[in-house]
Amino acid sequence: MTGTPETERYTPGHDASAIDFMAARTAATHARFFLPHLASGMTLLDLGCGPGTITTDLAAAVAPGHVLGLDRQAAQLLSARALARGKGLTNIEFQEGSCYDIPLDNRSVDRVFSHALMEHLAHPARALAEIRRVLRPGGRVGLCSPDWGGFLLSPPSDDAISAYTRLQQANGGDPFVGRKLGQYLLDAGFEQCHLNAHYERYADPSRIADYLAVQLDAAGQTAQARRLRDWATRPSAMFAQAWVTATATRPHH
């Protein structure tokens, strides 16, 4: 992710389990809504690129256009660079940096993409102002964030989910930002805003349960973490998470 360390903390953390969890994401699974807005030769910024598994797919979609992956965590970028090298991509680079101070000139990129970042930001409006600054007139942004008001858990595990929700809020994030993306974009001066929503069902409930439980453990909430892990072992366990996607255009004026 990218952000300001003084005001927010990335709740999932950056240990190996968190990175492995995020590395399963691809453009086909987590950026499909934005792929129709891409074309060969475009320049693109992936904000909060993490281990780069989505970024490298986006780079292939816009090649030979240049792609910049930006993230605050150097460890994530090491994995991203190795992945890009392994795929033989020469139109991509990764930099350490903040979404509040993007290292790009005004009006310098055609597209900006960001997945699972906005929910961790204490100041999403500031980040969107920066996105608008670096986009060319007519350029398009694509955002995707979850909304924790739309979980489908079977059987219910409300206490553990509420505990994680409070943890993310205490870290400066907003677990309910998904439903707010459209208004944030309009307030930032974007237009032609289009919103959509979908559910992601985790085929292995224990994978998402452990991903959340690790952070509950780190926060000293071991009882809730244990309850979440136990929940995932039940034969009827199902974990489906609501995601909101948003695309919008920077006006020409």
Protein backbone atom coordinates (compact mmCIF):
# COMPACT_ATOMS: atom_id res chain seq x y z
CA MET A 1 0.00 0.00 0.00
CA THR A 2 0.96 3.67 0.05
CA GLY A 3 0.13 6.26 2.66
CA THR A 4 1.35 8.44 5.51
CA PRO A 5 2.85 6.39 8.36
CA GLU A 6 2.12 9.11 10.92
CA THR A 7 -1.64 8.91 10.47
CA GLU A 8 -2.41 5.36 9.40
CA ARG A 9 -1.26 1.79 9.74
CA TYR A 10 -1.76 -0.90 7.14
CA THR A 11 -3.93 -3.36 9.04
CA PRO A 12 -3.10 -6.59 7.11
CA GLY A 13 0.61 -6.10 7.80
CA HIS A 14 3.51 -7.11 5.58
CA ASP A 15 4.52 -10.53 6.83
CA ALA A 16 4.94 -13.46 4.46
CA SER A 17 1.38 -14.70 4.92
CA ALA A 18 -0.10 -11.31 3.98
CA ILE A 19 2.12 -10.99 0.91
CA ASP A 20 1.29 -14.54 -0.19
CA PHE A 21 -2.41 -13.80 0.23
CA MET A 22 -2.20 -10.70 -1.97
CA ALA A 23 0.06 -12.41 -4.51
CA ALA A 24 -2.83 -14.67 -5.53
CA ARG A 25 -4.57 -11.67 -7.10
CA THR A 26 -4.35 -11.10 -10.85
CA ALA A 27 -5.83 -8.58 -13.26
CA ALA A 28 -8.24 -11.23 -14.52
CA THR A 29 -9.61 -11.82 -11.03
CA HIS A 30 -9.29 -8.38 -9.42
CA ALA A 31 -9.01 -5.77 -12.18
CA ARG A 32 -11.37 -7.18 -14.80
CA PHE A 33 -13.63 -4.12 -14.53
CA PHE A 34 -10.78 -1.83 -15.65
CA LEU A 35 -9.33 -3.92 -18.48
CA PRO A 36 -11.81 -2.57 -21.09
CA HIS A 37 -10.45 0.92 -20.37
CA LEU A 38 -6.89 -0.07 -21.32
CA ALA A 39 -5.21 -0.10 -24.71
CA SER A 40 -1.78 -0.65 -26.16
CA GLY A 41 0.56 2.31 -25.71
CA MET A 42 -1.18 3.86 -22.69
CA THR A 43 0.77 4.98 -19.64
CA LEU A 44 -0.52 3.71 -16.32
CA LEU A 45 0.06 4.11 -12.58
CA ASP A 46 -0.81 1.27 -10.20
CA LEU A 47 -1.17 2.90 -6.81
CA GLY A 48 -0.54 0.60 -3.86
CA CYS A 49 0.74 -2.13 -6.17
CA GLY A 50 1.86 -4.57 -3.46
CA PRO A 51 3.67 -7.65 -4.81
CA GLY A 52 2.89 -6.62 -8.40
CA THR A 53 0.80 -9.56 -9.57
CA ILE A 54 -1.94 -7.26 -10.84
CA THR A 55 0.54 -4.62 -12.03
CA THR A 56 2.42 -6.98 -14.31
CA ASP A 57 -0.83 -8.06 -15.96
CA LEU A 58 -1.76 -4.41 -16.51
CA ALA A 59 1.68 -3.77 -18.01
CA ALA A 60 1.10 -6.57 -20.51
CA ALA A 61 -2.28 -5.04 -21.41
CA VAL A 62 -0.85 -1.59 -22.23
CA ALA A 63 2.53 -2.62 -23.67
CA PRO A 64 4.59 -0.92 -24.98
CA GLY A 65 3.11 1.84 -22.80
CA HIS A 66 4.97 2.53 -19.57
CA VAL A 67 3.64 1.37 -16.19
CA LEU A 68 4.68 2.57 -12.74
CA GLY A 69 3.86 0.51 -9.65
CA LEU A 70 3.98 2.59 -6.47
CA ASP A 71 3.95 1.22 -2.94
CA ARG A 72 5.19 2.33 0.46
CA GLN A 73 6.71 -1.02 1.39
CA ALA A 74 10.13 -1.83 -0.07
CA ALA A 75 9.75 -5.55 0.71
CA GLN A 76 6.69 -5.76 -1.52
CA LEU A 77 8.55 -4.08 -4.36
CA LEU A 78 11.37 -6.62 -4.26
CA SER A 79 8.82 -9.33 -5.05
CA ALA A 80 7.20 -7.15 -7.72
CA ARG A 81 10.49 -6.48 -9.52
CA ALA A 82 11.42 -10.16 -9.47
CA LEU A 83 8.02 -11.05 -10.93
CA ALA A 84 8.37 -8.49 -13.73
CA ARG A 85 11.83 -9.78 -14.59
CA GLY A 86 10.55 -13.34 -14.64
CA LYS A 87 7.83 -12.34 -17.09
CA GLY A 88 10.30 -10.48 -19.30
CA LEU A 89 8.44 -7.17 -18.99
CA THR A 90 10.50 -4.14 -19.97
CA ASN A 91 7.76 -1.47 -19.83
CA ILE A 92 7.31 -1.52 -16.06
CA GLU A 93 9.09 -0.06 -13.03
CA PHE A 94 8.38 -0.06 -9.31
CA GLN A 95 9.07 2.77 -6.88
CA GLU A 96 8.65 3.29 -3.16
CA GLY A 97 6.37 6.23 -2.48
CA SER A 98 3.16 7.66 -1.06
CA CYS A 99 -0.26 8.09 -2.62
CA TYR A 100 -0.30 11.53 -0.98
CA ASP A 101 2.81 12.61 -2.91
CA ILE A 102 2.93 10.73 -6.20
CA PRO A 103 6.35 11.10 -7.92
CA LEU A 104 4.87 12.02 -11.30
CA ASP A 105 4.40 15.28 -13.18
CA ASN A 106 1.02 16.95 -13.57
CA ARG A 107 -1.12 15.45 -16.34
CA SER A 108 1.44 12.76 -17.13
CA VAL A 109 -0.45 9.41 -17.22
CA ASP A 110 -3.42 8.07 -19.15
CA ARG A 111 -4.74 5.70 -16.50
CA VAL A 112 -4.54 5.24 -12.73
CA PHE A 113 -5.54 1.98 -11.07
CA SER A 114 -5.77 1.15 -7.38
CA HIS A 115 -6.96 -2.05 -5.75
CA ALA A 116 -7.58 -2.50 -2.00
CA LEU A 117 -5.95 0.77 -0.99
CA MET A 118 -8.64 3.33 -0.24
CA GLU A 119 -10.01 1.40 2.74
CA HIS A 120 -6.67 1.79 4.53
CA LEU A 121 -6.34 5.55 4.07
CA ALA A 122 -7.01 8.16 6.71
CA HIS A 123 -7.26 10.84 4.00
CA PRO A 124 -8.78 9.36 0.81
CA ALA A 125 -9.71 12.82 -0.52
CA ARG A 126 -6.03 13.82 -0.50
CA ALA A 127 -5.10 10.68 -2.42
CA LEU A 128 -7.80 11.33 -5.03
CA ALA A 129 -6.59 14.91 -5.46
CA GLU A 130 -3.14 13.51 -6.26
CA ILE A 131 -4.63 11.00 -8.69
CA ARG A 132 -6.49 13.79 -10.45
CA ARG A 133 -3.29 15.87 -10.61
CA VAL A 134 -1.24 13.20 -12.41
CA LEU A 135 -4.01 12.12 -14.81
CA ARG A 136 -4.14 13.68 -18.23
CA PRO A 137 -7.41 15.45 -19.15
CA GLY A 138 -9.74 12.73 -20.33
CA GLY A 139 -7.71 10.16 -18.40
CA ARG A 140 -9.52 7.52 -16.38
CA VAL A 141 -9.14 6.15 -12.87
CA GLY A 142 -10.25 2.72 -11.65
CA LEU A 143 -10.69 1.96 -7.95
CA CYS A 144 -11.70 -1.23 -6.17
CA SER A 145 -12.30 -1.50 -2.43
CA PRO A 146 -14.28 -3.79 -0.16
CA ASP A 147 -17.23 -2.70 1.93
CA TRP A 148 -17.44 -4.52 5.24
CA GLY A 149 -21.15 -3.82 5.46
CA GLY A 150 -21.79 -6.55 2.90
CA PHE A 151 -20.25 -9.72 4.28
CA LEU A 152 -21.95 -13.08 3.83
CA LEU A 153 -20.65 -15.43 6.51
CA SER A 154 -22.08 -18.85 7.16
CA PRO A 155 -22.39 -19.65 9.97
CA PRO A 156 -22.27 -16.09 11.40
CA SER A 157 -19.08 -14.93 13.10
CA ASP A 158 -20.11 -11.37 13.83
CA ASP A 159 -17.96 -10.85 16.94
CA ALA A 160 -14.68 -11.66 15.19
CA ILE A 161 -15.53 -9.57 12.12
CA SER A 162 -16.58 -6.64 14.31
CA ALA A 163 -13.27 -6.90 16.17
CA TYR A 164 -11.30 -6.70 12.92
CA THR A 165 -13.49 -3.81 11.74
CA ARG A 166 -12.67 -1.85 14.89
CA LEU A 167 -8.98 -2.67 14.47
CA GLN A 168 -8.90 -1.26 10.95
CA GLN A 169 -10.76 1.86 12.06
CA ALA A 170 -8.29 2.35 14.92
CA ASN A 171 -5.49 2.15 12.35
CA GLY A 172 -7.00 5.10 10.44
CA GLY A 173 -8.84 3.14 7.75
CA ASP A 174 -12.47 2.93 6.70
CA PRO A 175 -13.85 -0.61 6.22
CA PHE A 176 -17.01 0.90 4.68
CA VAL A 177 -15.28 3.04 2.06
CA GLY A 178 -16.61 0.98 -0.86
CA ARG A 179 -20.03 2.65 -0.82
CA LYS A 180 -18.36 6.08 -0.60
CA LEU A 181 -16.06 5.83 -3.64
CA GLY A 182 -18.50 7.49 -6.02
CA GLN A 183 -19.02 10.55 -3.85
CA TYR A 184 -15.30 10.84 -3.15
CA LEU A 185 -14.58 10.84 -6.89
CA LEU A 186 -17.22 13.47 -7.63
CA ASP A 187 -16.00 15.65 -4.76
CA ALA A 188 -12.47 15.40 -6.19
CA GLY A 189 -13.65 16.82 -9.51
CA PHE A 190 -14.04 13.66 -11.58
CA GLU A 191 -16.96 12.99 -13.89
CA GLN A 192 -18.56 10.08 -15.79
CA CYS A 193 -18.43 8.07 -12.59
CA HIS A 194 -19.60 4.46 -12.87
CA LEU A 195 -20.05 2.17 -9.85
CA ASN A 196 -20.57 -1.54 -9.61
CA ALA A 197 -20.42 -4.19 -6.90
CA HIS A 198 -19.73 -7.90 -6.67
CA TYR A 199 -19.02 -10.61 -4.15
CA GLU A 200 -15.77 -12.54 -3.85
CA ARG A 201 -16.28 -15.96 -2.28
CA TYR A 202 -13.13 -17.47 -0.85
CA ALA A 203 -12.92 -21.10 -1.94
CA ASP A 204 -10.87 -21.94 1.15
CA PRO A 205 -12.45 -20.13 4.14
CA SER A 206 -9.43 -20.92 6.32
CA ARG A 207 -7.21 -18.79 4.05
CA ILE A 208 -9.13 -15.56 4.61
CA ALA A 209 -9.83 -16.46 8.26
CA ASP A 210 -6.13 -16.87 9.00
CA TYR A 211 -5.30 -13.70 7.07
CA LEU A 212 -7.56 -11.74 9.43
CA ALA A 213 -6.71 -13.74 12.54
CA VAL A 214 -2.97 -13.03 12.26
CA GLN A 215 -3.68 -9.33 12.76
CA LEU A 216 -6.14 -9.94 15.59
CA ASP A 217 -3.42 -11.98 17.31
CA ALA A 218 -0.93 -9.15 16.82
CA ALA A 219 -3.41 -6.73 18.41
CA GLY A 220 -3.77 -8.97 21.44
CA GLN A 221 -7.26 -10.18 20.52
CA THR A 222 -6.34 -13.85 20.65
CA ALA A 223 -9.80 -15.07 21.62
CA GLN A 224 -11.36 -13.49 18.53
CA ALA A 225 -8.55 -14.82 16.34
CA ARG A 226 -9.06 -18.33 17.68
CA ARG A 227 -12.81 -18.05 17.17
CA LEU A 228 -12.29 -17.05 13.53
CA ARG A 229 -9.91 -19.94 12.87
CA ASP A 230 -12.29 -22.40 14.52
CA TRP A 231 -15.16 -21.02 12.43
CA ALA A 232 -13.24 -21.76 9.23
CA THR A 233 -13.01 -25.47 10.06
CA ARG A 234 -16.79 -25.96 10.07
CA PRO A 235 -18.13 -27.94 7.09
CA SER A 236 -20.69 -25.20 6.32
CA ALA A 237 -18.18 -22.32 6.48
CA MET A 238 -18.59 -19.73 3.71
CA PHE A 239 -16.91 -16.34 3.49
CA ALA A 240 -18.10 -13.94 0.77
CA GLN A 241 -16.92 -10.34 0.71
CA ALA A 242 -18.54 -7.37 -1.04
CA TRP A 243 -16.33 -5.27 -3.32
CA VAL A 244 -17.19 -1.97 -5.01
CA THR A 245 -15.56 -0.92 -8.28
CA ALA A 246 -15.53 2.66 -9.51
CA THR A 247 -14.30 4.28 -12.71
CA ALA A 248 -14.28 8.00 -13.44
CA THR A 249 -12.75 10.49 -15.86
CA ARG A 250 -10.71 13.61 -15.30
CA PRO A 251 -12.52 16.43 -17.17
CA HIS A 252 -10.85 18.21 -20.07
CA HIS A 253 -11.47 21.61 -18.51
